[in-house]
Protein backbone atom coordinates (compact mmCIF):
# COMPACT_ATOMS: atom_id res chain seq x y z
CA MET A 1 -0.35 0.20 -0.05
CA ASN A 2 2.55 2.38 0.56
CA ASP A 3 4.14 2.14 -2.36
CA VAL A 4 0.86 2.56 -4.02
CA ARG A 5 0.68 5.73 -2.19
CA ILE A 6 4.19 6.57 -2.69
CA ASN A 7 4.07 5.97 -6.69
CA GLY A 8 0.62 7.30 -6.70
CA VAL A 9 2.17 11.14 -5.10
CA GLU A 10 5.38 10.75 -8.00
CA GLN A 11 2.71 10.95 -11.01
CA VAL A 12 0.79 13.56 -9.12
CA ILE A 13 3.66 15.86 -9.12
CA GLY A 14 4.87 14.92 -12.90
CA VAL A 15 1.74 15.50 -13.90
CA ILE A 16 1.97 18.97 -11.52
CA ALA A 17 5.52 19.99 -13.22
CA ALA A 18 4.43 19.63 -16.91
CA ASN A 19 1.38 21.67 -16.25
CA GLU A 20 3.41 24.43 -14.82
CA ARG A 21 5.68 23.86 -17.71
CA GLN A 22 3.36 24.52 -20.04
CA LEU A 23 2.36 27.06 -18.40
CA ARG A 24 4.82 28.99 -18.34
CA ASP A 25 5.85 28.28 -22.17
CA GLU A 26 1.84 29.72 -22.52
CA LEU A 27 2.57 32.53 -20.49
CA LEU A 28 6.18 34.15 -22.02
CA LYS A 29 4.10 33.06 -25.50
CA ARG A 30 2.33 36.18 -24.89
CA LEU A 31 4.81 38.07 -23.16
CA VAL A 32 7.44 37.61 -24.70
CA LEU A 33 8.38 40.40 -27.34
CA PRO A 34 8.19 39.68 -31.14
CA ASN A 35 11.30 39.38 -32.25
CA LEU A 36 12.50 36.74 -30.08
CA ILE A 37 11.70 33.46 -30.85
CA TYR A 38 12.09 30.32 -28.19
CA LEU A 39 14.28 27.54 -29.45
CA ARG A 40 13.34 23.91 -27.25
CA GLY A 41 16.80 21.70 -26.58
CA GLY A 42 18.38 20.97 -29.78
CA ASN A 43 17.19 23.35 -31.74
CA SER A 44 19.16 26.73 -30.12
CA MET A 45 22.60 27.55 -31.40
CA GLN A 46 23.85 25.29 -28.01
CA VAL A 47 22.67 22.19 -28.49
CA GLY A 48 21.25 20.53 -25.48
CA GLN A 49 20.25 24.62 -24.47
CA SER A 50 16.31 25.41 -24.33
CA GLY A 51 14.94 29.25 -23.86
CA TRP A 52 14.73 32.36 -25.31
CA TYR A 53 17.02 34.00 -27.79
CA SER A 54 17.19 36.86 -29.78
CA ALA A 55 16.09 35.84 -33.74
CA GLN A 56 18.52 38.28 -34.99
CA SER A 57 21.14 36.41 -32.91
CA THR A 58 20.28 32.77 -33.41
CA THR A 59 18.26 33.09 -36.53
CA ALA A 60 20.46 35.27 -39.31
CA THR A 61 22.39 34.16 -41.28
CA PRO A 62 26.36 34.37 -40.15
CA PHE A 63 26.49 37.65 -42.54
CA SER A 64 23.10 39.32 -41.86
CA ALA A 65 22.58 42.84 -43.37
CA PRO A 66 20.89 46.07 -42.89
CA ALA A 67 16.76 45.90 -44.18
CA PHE A 68 17.76 48.79 -46.59
CA ALA A 69 20.57 46.52 -48.02
CA GLN A 70 17.86 44.87 -49.65
CA PHE A 71 15.87 46.38 -52.41
CA SER A 72 12.35 45.23 -54.61
CA VAL A 73 13.05 45.35 -57.85
CA PRO A 74 9.45 46.16 -60.90
CA VAL A 75 8.06 43.17 -62.40
CA ASP A 76 8.47 45.15 -65.95
CA CYS A 77 12.33 45.92 -65.26
CA GLY A 78 13.87 41.97 -66.57
CA ALA A 79 17.39 43.33 -66.33
CA TRP A 80 17.76 42.92 -62.80
CA TYR A 81 19.08 39.71 -61.29
CA ASP A 82 18.44 37.71 -57.99
CA GLU A 83 19.74 39.11 -54.97
CA GLU A 84 23.39 37.33 -54.30
CA THR A 85 25.35 37.98 -51.19
CA ASP A 86 29.06 38.74 -50.45
CA GLU A 87 30.68 36.72 -48.64
CA ARG A 88 33.25 38.89 -47.21
CA ASP A 89 30.30 40.79 -44.60
CA GLY A 90 27.63 39.37 -45.66
CA LEU A 91 26.63 42.93 -48.20
CA ILE A 92 23.71 42.17 -50.58
CA PHE A 93 23.04 43.62 -54.23
CA ARG A 94 22.19 42.30 -57.43
CA PHE A 95 23.18 42.00 -61.17
CA PHE A 96 21.48 43.79 -63.36
CA ALA A 97 22.70 44.13 -67.39
CA LYS A 98 22.79 47.45 -69.94
CA ARG A 99 18.99 49.30 -68.35
CA ALA A 100 17.26 48.59 -64.93
CA TRP A 101 15.38 50.84 -62.32
CA LEU A 102 14.23 50.72 -59.15
CA TYR A 103 11.70 52.73 -57.20
CA LEU A 104 12.45 55.03 -54.14
CA GLU A 105 10.60 56.87 -51.62
CA PRO A 106 10.28 60.35 -52.33
CA PRO A 107 12.82 62.07 -49.92
CA ALA A 108 11.37 64.99 -47.17
CA ARG A 109 14.91 67.01 -46.88
CA ARG A 110 17.86 68.45 -48.61
CA CYS A 111 19.92 64.12 -49.69
CA ARG A 112 21.60 62.83 -51.38
CA LEU A 113 21.52 59.89 -53.74
CA GLU A 114 24.25 57.33 -52.06
CA PHE A 115 24.50 53.46 -53.11
CA ILE A 116 27.39 50.77 -53.62
CA ALA A 117 28.51 49.29 -56.49
CA PRO A 118 30.61 45.97 -54.84
CA PHE A 119 31.44 44.04 -58.23
CA ALA A 120 31.33 45.24 -62.11
CA ILE A 121 32.18 42.03 -64.79
CA LEU A 122 34.72 44.41 -66.11
CA PRO A 123 36.79 47.57 -64.51
CA GLU A 124 35.41 49.96 -67.66
CA ALA A 125 31.62 48.99 -66.70
CA PHE A 126 32.38 51.53 -63.62
CA VAL A 127 33.54 54.57 -65.45
CA ASP A 128 30.81 53.99 -67.96
CA LEU A 129 27.89 53.82 -65.00
CA ARG A 130 24.86 56.15 -65.54
CA VAL A 131 22.62 57.33 -62.86
CA ARG A 132 19.07 58.98 -64.33
CA VAL A 133 16.77 60.49 -60.73
CA GLY A 134 13.32 60.95 -61.93
CA ASP A 135 14.59 61.29 -65.57
CA ILE A 136 17.17 63.52 -64.43
CA PRO A 137 21.02 62.36 -65.58
CA MET A 138 23.08 62.53 -62.25
CA SER A 139 26.26 62.89 -61.73
CA LEU A 140 28.14 60.68 -60.04
CA VAL A 141 31.37 60.75 -57.55
CA ARG A 142 32.94 57.53 -57.06
CA GLU A 143 34.09 56.33 -53.40
CA GLU A 144 35.59 54.21 -51.67
CA ALA A 145 32.82 52.77 -48.96
CA ASP A 146 34.65 50.13 -46.84
CA ARG A 147 38.28 47.44 -46.05
CA HIS A 148 36.93 45.51 -49.71
CA GLY A 149 37.61 48.62 -51.32
CA ARG A 150 33.83 48.62 -52.72
CA ALA A 151 32.48 51.82 -54.57
CA ARG A 152 30.36 53.52 -53.56
CA PHE A 153 28.11 56.30 -55.82
CA VAL A 154 26.59 59.63 -54.41
CA ALA A 155 24.93 61.57 -56.54
CA ASP A 156 23.93 65.24 -54.66
CA ILE A 157 20.37 66.30 -55.37
CA SER A 158 19.84 70.05 -56.05
CA PRO A 159 16.82 71.83 -54.62
CA LEU A 160 15.23 72.37 -57.72
CA VAL A 161 15.05 68.50 -57.81
CA LEU A 162 14.44 68.10 -54.53
CA ALA A 163 11.28 70.06 -55.52
CA TYR A 164 10.38 68.03 -58.64
CA LEU A 165 10.72 64.76 -56.27
CA GLN A 166 8.62 66.15 -53.40
CA MET A 167 5.59 66.38 -55.81
CA VAL A 168 5.61 62.24 -56.55
CA GLU A 169 4.78 59.95 -55.06
CA ARG A 170 7.82 57.05 -56.08
CA VAL A 171 10.80 58.32 -57.32
CA ARG A 172 12.39 56.63 -60.13
CA ILE A 173 16.54 55.29 -60.61
CA ASP A 174 17.85 54.14 -63.35
CA PHE A 175 21.23 52.54 -64.08
CA GLU A 176 22.69 52.16 -67.17
CA CYS A 177 25.67 50.04 -67.92
CA ARG A 178 26.76 49.87 -72.16
CA ILE A 179 29.54 47.92 -70.67
CA THR A 180 28.73 44.20 -69.86
CA GLY A 181 29.69 40.74 -70.63
CA VAL A 182 29.27 37.34 -69.82
CA PRO A 183 31.59 35.63 -66.56
CA ALA A 184 32.23 32.25 -68.03
CA LEU A 185 33.72 33.89 -71.30
CA LEU A 186 35.96 36.19 -69.50
CA TYR A 187 37.28 34.39 -65.81
CA THR A 188 38.82 31.19 -66.16
CA GLY A 189 36.97 28.50 -64.17
CA SER A 190 33.35 30.47 -63.57
CA ASN A 191 30.75 28.93 -64.94
CA ASP A 192 28.24 31.63 -64.43
CA GLN A 193 26.33 32.06 -68.31
CA ARG A 194 24.74 35.70 -67.30
CA ARG A 195 25.10 38.78 -69.24
CA LEU A 196 26.05 41.23 -66.21
CA SER A 197 27.25 45.11 -66.11
CA CYS A 198 27.45 46.05 -62.10
CA ALA A 199 26.25 45.14 -58.66
CA ILE A 200 23.55 47.14 -57.18
CA SER A 201 23.49 47.89 -52.62
CA ARG A 202 22.05 49.75 -50.61
CA PRO A 203 20.26 52.12 -53.60
CA ARG A 204 19.33 54.89 -50.90
CA PHE A 205 18.84 59.23 -50.06
CA VAL A 206 21.40 60.09 -47.51
CA GLU A 207 20.03 63.44 -46.05
CA ILE A 208 22.73 65.78 -45.54
């Protein structure tokens, strides 16, 4: 009888403990911040541990990039290629060929257009690169973006152009480069059959 009674008590305790864990999990799901996720033992970065972790630190790829590094492309522009990632630091970019465009939100204040061009099919493609903002040709200045030597291009938006941009719902940005090439035909060991001009990343208006 004693053994039966003891076993019964242990079973009740086990049920209560399981219920407490379930209630705790449900409560945390309601109270935890949206950018946190719950990883049970065996699914977290450290196998066997459980708990709440920042989604950015546990589910992101080894190289994470700011949201503005990515940009959507219009369905009516077939010159853009899929997003790619620079393995050196996770910079996200898209290649285009000859002429491609995208849309940005109109700037509210004095600004300049800025974007990174991490790669080009040939060095001279950077020299041939042209940009139009709202169909207005821009004067581009090339700078060195970072320690990897990637190119940053900037173009000042004049007050007159800014006044025009502020009257539209979205601003069309056109990238043009007459130089194209196929990596597989230019570089030993490449099997990339795409026709490319330049790669673009982080297109945005920067207030000044």
